[in-house]
Amino acid sequence: MNISQYAVKKARLNPKRKSKNIIGKNQLLWDLGLSSQDMENHTKVVEKIESLDREFHLVMLSDRFDESLVLLARLLCWDLEDVRYLKQNVRKNETRKEITEQARQILKNWLKADYMLYDHFKEKFDKLVERYGKEKMAEDVKSLRLRNKQLYDDCVVEKADNDKLKGEFKMAVSKVEGYIVDDSKPWCSSFARSEPSYTTKLRKKQQLRANFIGRKPLDPIEQKRKAQQLWKEKLKG
C-alpha cells in the first residue's frame, strides 16, 4: 500500500494515534513530546507550539534544507565548509511514489496538528530569510551546493544500496541509497556513514561526556582511555 492508497483507505477515516505506537499520526509533535490525546486538542497543540518557539533559536525545514544550513552556519559562526554534506536516506527511484492531490488534502486534514507546527515555523523561517537577505541567501545556497558537489566528486566512488554497502555505511532500510567512498581519503567516511552508525557513535560520545557508559560511572583512568579512543576514531574519520 503506497501513501496515496493509505490516505484514501485509512487516513480518510481520521483514526487517532495509538498511545503505544512509536510511528503514527502527527509524528513531528509526537517526537517533540506531545501526547496522542493532546494532539487532538487544538488548545494543547497551540500551547505546545508556543513552548517550542520559546525553546529553539532556529527550526530547520527539510524542504528548504540548504537555506536552513546557511542560517545554522550563521547562527553558530561557522563557515559554509562546515555544513557541506552528502544526501542521506534518499529513496531509490523505483521505490518513489507521487502523492495524488486527493491524498494530499486528506493527509492535510488528518495531520492538522503537524501542519499547524510546520506553518508556524515556516512563517518564522521566512522572516529569518528576509532578515538574512534574499540575494545573500541565494548566493550562499549556491556556494554551499558547489561545496557539496566538490565533496561528492572528491569522495564518492559509487552510489549503492545495501547489496553493496558494508559496515558503517550500510543503510537502515534497503529502499534507500548510500555511498561507497574513496577509502584512500579517511575523512570521507564521516560524510557517508549511515544514520544508525552515526547515531551509535554520537550516543557513545554523549555518554562519555556525561561520564557514564550506560549507568556505570567511569573512573578517571577509564575516562581518559575512552577519550583517547574516541579521538583516534575521529582522526580516522
Protein backbone atom coordinates (compact mmCIF):
# COMPACT_ATOMS: atom_id res chain seq x y z
CA MET A 1 0.00 0.00 0.00
CA ASN A 2 1.53 3.33 -1.07
CA ILE A 3 0.99 6.68 0.64
CA SER A 4 -1.89 7.74 -1.62
CA GLN A 5 -3.71 4.44 -1.09
CA TYR A 6 -3.18 4.71 2.67
CA ALA A 7 -4.66 8.21 2.68
CA VAL A 8 -7.82 7.12 0.86
CA LYS A 9 -8.34 3.83 2.69
CA LYS A 10 -7.11 4.68 6.20
CA ALA A 11 -6.38 8.34 6.94
CA ARG A 12 -9.69 9.46 5.41
CA LEU A 13 -11.41 7.78 8.39
CA ASN A 14 -9.41 10.04 10.76
CA PRO A 15 -8.04 7.30 13.04
CA LYS A 16 -6.46 8.53 16.27
CA ARG A 17 -2.91 7.67 17.16
CA LYS A 18 -2.48 4.69 19.46
CA SER A 19 -0.62 5.83 22.56
CA LYS A 20 1.93 2.98 22.47
CA ASN A 21 2.84 3.28 18.78
CA ILE A 22 6.23 4.82 18.05
CA ILE A 23 5.24 5.66 14.46
CA GLY A 24 1.90 7.21 13.53
CA LYS A 25 -0.27 10.29 13.30
CA ASN A 26 1.34 13.73 13.80
CA GLN A 27 4.81 12.23 14.10
CA LEU A 28 6.55 15.61 14.43
CA LEU A 29 4.65 16.69 17.53
CA TRP A 30 4.81 13.18 18.97
CA ASP A 31 8.60 13.17 18.69
CA LEU A 32 8.65 16.59 20.35
CA GLY A 33 6.73 15.31 23.36
CA LEU A 34 3.02 15.90 22.72
CA SER A 35 0.80 13.00 23.79
CA SER A 36 -1.60 11.22 21.47
CA GLN A 37 -4.52 12.67 23.45
CA ASP A 38 -3.26 16.27 23.44
CA MET A 39 -2.63 16.31 19.69
CA GLU A 40 -6.41 16.08 19.24
CA ASN A 41 -6.89 19.21 21.39
CA HIS A 42 -6.43 22.49 19.50
CA THR A 43 -5.54 24.47 22.62
CA LYS A 44 -2.92 21.92 23.69
CA VAL A 45 -1.37 21.97 20.22
CA VAL A 46 -1.13 25.76 20.24
CA GLU A 47 0.43 25.72 23.72
CA LYS A 48 2.99 23.13 22.61
CA ILE A 49 3.94 25.15 19.54
CA GLU A 50 4.34 28.30 21.64
CA SER A 51 6.53 26.35 24.08
CA LEU A 52 8.73 25.06 21.25
CA ASP A 53 9.00 28.56 19.83
CA ARG A 54 10.50 29.73 23.11
CA GLU A 55 12.96 26.83 23.27
CA PHE A 56 14.53 26.86 19.81
CA HIS A 57 16.57 29.64 18.23
CA LEU A 58 16.26 28.01 14.81
CA VAL A 59 13.92 25.35 13.45
CA MET A 60 15.23 23.95 10.17
CA LEU A 61 12.93 22.86 7.33
CA SER A 62 13.77 19.68 5.44
CA ASP A 63 12.17 21.02 2.25
CA ARG A 64 14.43 24.08 2.47
CA PHE A 65 17.44 22.26 3.80
CA ASP A 66 20.21 24.28 2.17
CA GLU A 67 18.73 27.57 3.35
CA SER A 68 18.43 26.03 6.81
CA LEU A 69 22.11 25.08 6.85
CA VAL A 70 23.12 28.57 5.76
CA LEU A 71 21.14 30.03 8.67
CA LEU A 72 22.63 27.45 11.06
CA ALA A 73 26.16 28.31 9.92
CA ARG A 74 25.49 32.00 10.52
CA LEU A 75 23.99 31.33 13.96
CA LEU A 76 27.00 29.22 15.04
CA CYS A 77 29.61 31.45 13.36
CA TRP A 78 30.66 28.57 11.11
CA ASP A 79 31.94 28.60 7.55
CA LEU A 80 29.79 27.00 4.85
CA GLU A 81 32.54 24.40 4.54
CA ASP A 82 31.46 23.18 7.99
CA VAL A 83 27.92 22.33 6.85
CA ARG A 84 28.57 20.67 3.47
CA TYR A 85 27.03 17.22 3.14
CA LEU A 86 26.15 14.17 1.08
CA LYS A 87 22.41 13.48 0.81
CA GLN A 88 21.36 10.60 3.02
CA ASN A 89 18.24 8.39 3.18
CA VAL A 90 17.28 9.16 -0.43
CA ARG A 91 14.85 6.59 -1.82
CA LYS A 92 15.78 4.64 -4.92
CA ASN A 93 13.86 5.85 -7.96
CA GLU A 94 11.86 2.65 -8.29
CA THR A 95 10.52 2.99 -4.73
CA ARG A 96 9.28 6.56 -5.09
CA LYS A 97 5.54 7.25 -5.35
CA GLU A 98 3.85 10.52 -6.27
CA ILE A 99 1.16 11.67 -3.83
CA THR A 100 -2.13 12.46 -5.55
CA GLU A 101 -3.82 15.78 -4.86
CA GLN A 102 -6.76 13.95 -3.28
CA ALA A 103 -4.43 12.11 -0.92
CA ARG A 104 -2.55 15.30 -0.11
CA GLN A 105 -5.75 17.02 1.04
CA ILE A 106 -6.81 14.02 3.12
CA LEU A 107 -3.43 13.91 4.83
CA LYS A 108 -3.51 17.65 5.45
CA ASN A 109 -6.79 17.27 7.33
CA TRP A 110 -5.68 14.16 9.20
CA LEU A 111 -2.31 15.65 10.20
CA LYS A 112 -3.75 19.04 11.11
CA ALA A 113 -1.66 19.41 14.28
CA ASP A 114 1.62 18.77 12.45
CA TYR A 115 0.59 21.21 9.74
CA MET A 116 -0.01 23.85 12.42
CA LEU A 117 3.51 23.22 13.71
CA TYR A 118 5.03 23.40 10.24
CA ASP A 119 3.10 26.52 9.19
CA HIS A 120 4.14 28.34 12.37
CA PHE A 121 7.85 27.69 11.91
CA LYS A 122 7.72 28.16 8.14
CA GLU A 123 6.41 31.69 8.71
CA LYS A 124 9.19 32.30 11.21
CA PHE A 125 11.73 30.79 8.80
CA ASP A 126 10.60 33.14 6.02
CA LYS A 127 11.20 36.10 8.32
CA LEU A 128 14.71 34.85 9.11
CA VAL A 129 15.48 34.59 5.39
CA GLU A 130 14.14 38.11 4.86
CA ARG A 131 16.40 39.36 7.64
CA TYR A 132 19.37 37.47 6.20
CA GLY A 133 18.70 38.97 2.77
CA LYS A 134 17.20 37.02 -0.14
CA GLU A 135 20.02 37.85 -2.54
CA LYS A 136 22.65 36.97 0.04
CA MET A 137 20.80 33.73 0.81
CA ALA A 138 20.69 32.78 -2.88
CA GLU A 139 24.44 33.41 -3.18
CA ASP A 140 25.27 31.35 -0.10
CA VAL A 141 22.98 28.48 -1.10
CA LYS A 142 24.74 28.38 -4.47
CA SER A 143 28.11 28.41 -2.70
CA LEU A 144 27.05 25.56 -0.39
CA ARG A 145 25.86 23.46 -3.33
CA LEU A 146 29.18 23.97 -5.09
CA ARG A 147 30.92 22.73 -1.95
CA ASN A 148 28.60 19.72 -1.87
CA LYS A 149 29.41 18.90 -5.48
CA GLN A 150 33.13 19.15 -4.77
CA LEU A 151 32.69 16.86 -1.78
CA TYR A 152 30.81 14.35 -3.93
CA ASP A 153 33.48 14.46 -6.63
CA ASP A 154 36.27 14.08 -4.08
CA CYS A 155 34.75 11.23 -2.08
CA VAL A 156 32.08 9.21 -3.84
CA VAL A 157 33.11 6.16 -5.83
CA GLU A 158 29.57 4.88 -6.31
CA LYS A 159 26.01 5.32 -5.08
CA ALA A 160 24.74 1.94 -3.93
CA ASP A 161 22.14 0.09 -1.89
CA ASN A 162 22.60 -2.47 0.87
CA ASP A 163 23.53 -5.18 -1.61
CA LYS A 164 26.92 -3.46 -1.93
CA LEU A 165 27.21 -1.35 1.22
CA LYS A 166 29.07 -2.77 4.21
CA GLY A 167 29.80 -1.98 7.84
CA GLU A 168 29.13 1.55 8.99
CA PHE A 169 27.87 2.54 5.52
CA LYS A 170 25.02 0.01 5.44
CA MET A 171 21.68 1.82 5.47
CA ALA A 172 18.81 1.16 7.90
CA VAL A 173 16.46 0.02 5.10
CA SER A 174 17.15 -1.39 1.64
CA LYS A 175 14.92 1.06 -0.27
CA VAL A 176 17.33 3.96 0.23
CA GLU A 177 20.77 4.52 -1.26
CA GLY A 178 24.10 5.18 0.40
CA TYR A 179 27.66 5.70 -0.77
CA ILE A 180 30.82 3.75 -1.40
CA VAL A 181 33.58 6.27 -0.76
CA ASP A 182 37.25 6.56 -1.60
CA ASP A 183 38.98 4.62 1.19
CA SER A 184 42.25 6.42 0.47
CA LYS A 185 40.63 9.52 1.99
CA PRO A 186 39.61 8.57 5.56
CA TRP A 187 37.90 11.92 6.13
CA CYS A 188 35.25 11.00 3.54
CA SER A 189 33.71 8.28 5.71
CA SER A 190 32.09 10.70 8.17
CA PHE A 191 30.01 12.15 5.32
CA ALA A 192 28.82 8.75 4.07
CA ARG A 193 28.27 6.98 7.39
CA SER A 194 24.70 5.69 7.71
CA GLU A 195 22.22 7.15 10.16
CA PRO A 196 22.26 4.13 12.54
CA SER A 197 26.07 4.07 12.61
CA TYR A 198 26.33 7.81 13.13
CA THR A 199 23.73 7.68 15.91
CA THR A 200 25.66 4.94 17.69
CA LYS A 201 28.89 6.97 17.60
CA LEU A 202 27.06 10.09 18.75
CA ARG A 203 25.45 8.33 21.71
CA LYS A 204 28.80 6.90 22.80
CA LYS A 205 30.28 10.39 22.74
CA GLN A 206 27.32 11.80 24.69
CA GLN A 207 27.65 9.06 27.29
CA LEU A 208 31.34 9.79 27.66
CA ARG A 209 30.72 13.49 28.15
CA ALA A 210 28.16 12.69 30.81
CA ASN A 211 30.82 10.49 32.45
CA PHE A 212 28.58 7.45 32.09
CA ILE A 213 28.57 4.36 29.92
CA GLY A 214 25.06 3.10 30.42
CA ARG A 215 24.54 3.71 34.13
CA LYS A 216 28.05 2.84 35.30
CA PRO A 217 30.29 5.85 36.17
CA LEU A 218 33.74 5.86 34.62
CA ASP A 219 36.80 6.13 36.82
CA PRO A 220 39.30 8.84 35.71
CA ILE A 221 41.69 6.34 34.09
CA GLU A 222 38.91 4.66 32.12
CA GLN A 223 37.51 8.04 31.11
CA LYS A 224 40.93 9.08 29.75
CA ARG A 225 41.25 5.81 27.83
CA LYS A 226 37.81 6.24 26.29
CA ALA A 227 38.58 9.84 25.33
CA GLN A 228 41.81 8.76 23.62
CA GLN A 229 39.95 6.01 21.77
CA LEU A 230 37.30 8.44 20.53
CA TRP A 231 39.97 10.90 19.45
CA LYS A 232 41.72 8.18 17.40
CA GLU A 233 38.40 7.30 15.75
CA LYS A 234 37.84 10.96 14.95
CA LEU A 235 41.25 11.23 13.29
CA LYS A 236 40.43 8.20 11.19
CA GLY A 237 37.20 9.94 10.05
